Amino acid sequence: MVYFDNAATTYPKPDVVYEKIMTAMKEYGANPGRSGHKMALKISRGIFETRELLGKLFNIDNPLNIVLTFNCTEGLNLGIKGLLKPGDHVITTSMEHNSVLRPIKSMEKLGIEHTIVKCDSKGRLNVSDVERSIKSNTKLIVTTHISNLTGTIMPIADIGELAKKSGIAYMVDAAQSAGIYDIDVERMNIDLLAFPGHKALFGPQGTGGLYIRDNIELTDLFQGGTGSASHLLEQPNILPDRYESGTANGPGIVGLGAGIEYIFGKGINNIRKHEEDLTEHFIEEVGKIDGIKLYGPLNKEEQLGVVSLNIKDADSSEVSYILDEEYDIAVRPGLHCAPLAHKSIGTFEQGAVRFSFGFFNTHDEIEYAIRALKAIAKEVQGGNI
């Protein structure tokens, strides 16, 4: 199998991630923070070490400001719904994933307004359009860092500067960028950073997190056991316990820590350079194939790791099926949980076939995909598909 679906979940993971997870499961997979015995303490230490690694990765001084979640979507919901109150206004963009758009849309009934800033046909955002959308009651700006549809890189440092100047909280969805791009919450003026563990951080599914800046107050969305302040019937007000009710995915979080250590060992710049080279190789060669339309900026300065395409008017799901069944190539067709992004680039009716590259992909695999696409495009041109 040639796996080009890394925007959904990276595969494979580094061997050390699998090893750390299984060791934790077999040797000390107790309940963290709930008991004082050796196994519980060891898994608790492993979880805290992962917080420290995340802090180092994102330049977060206090690792307790990192809430560990079960995915990026949970973090986005906590940040959006925990911050906004009736009468507030939030700004986002047309290139967002439904993990941003649906929580915002759900809050209309609570009297929370929103503005969706339209991006251009290549998925690019004009920061001036964001600035023009600011109102007196604007409380939050939320944007993705890298589009999951086109790979378009958003100017998050510029947006962060605008938000800080305007006294507005800024939240970044780092689903496609955490582990590939340097993200510095201080330099970029990021107040809330949501990230998944199972993508480019090389952790397992069921891991993720949300960074919350000190001056940001969020309402806790659910309550329960935290292992702390057990004499109280109210949710404890300390971080991260306030937002981490229930048993954590201890072995998974330990595995996430192993993934981050792997990134530090390889060098995040080397990881990004490899993915840039793969993306450039794919765009350059596939762009020469008759009948194929590529989407996005189509240069490595503005686009990374994700390339969507169509072959004339062929159904994207059918092209994906042929790639899977006849060539053993895994991609993702359809709307990619980003309907407004598809409307922005003009593919809402047809969808698109998404290729998303990861650190373990090779140039030989890119060449194989190019040959497969040439053959499929020829079939489409001949009317056989």
Foldseek 3Di string as FASTA:
>chain_A
DAEQALLVFDPDFPPVLVVLLVCLVPPQVDFALADDDPSNVVLVVLLLLLLVLVCVQQVNPDSLLKAKFQFLLVLLLQVPQFFDAAPAEEEEELLDFCSNVVSQVVCVVRNYHYYYHYDALQREDDLVSVVVPDDPRYAEYEYEQARSARQFGYPQLVNLVVCVVVVHAYEYEDAPPRLQDRHHCVNSNHQKYWYGLRHNLRFNRRIIIMRHDPVGGTDAPDDADQSPPVVDPDQDPGGPSSHDHDGHPSSRSSSSSVSSVVSVVCDSNNFNVQQQVLLLLLLVLLVPAPQKDKHHPNHSVGGTFKIWIDRHQDAQVVLQVCCCPVVVYHWDWDANSNQSSCVNNVCNVRTTTMGGDGSPRDVVSSVSVSVSVNVVSVCVVVVND
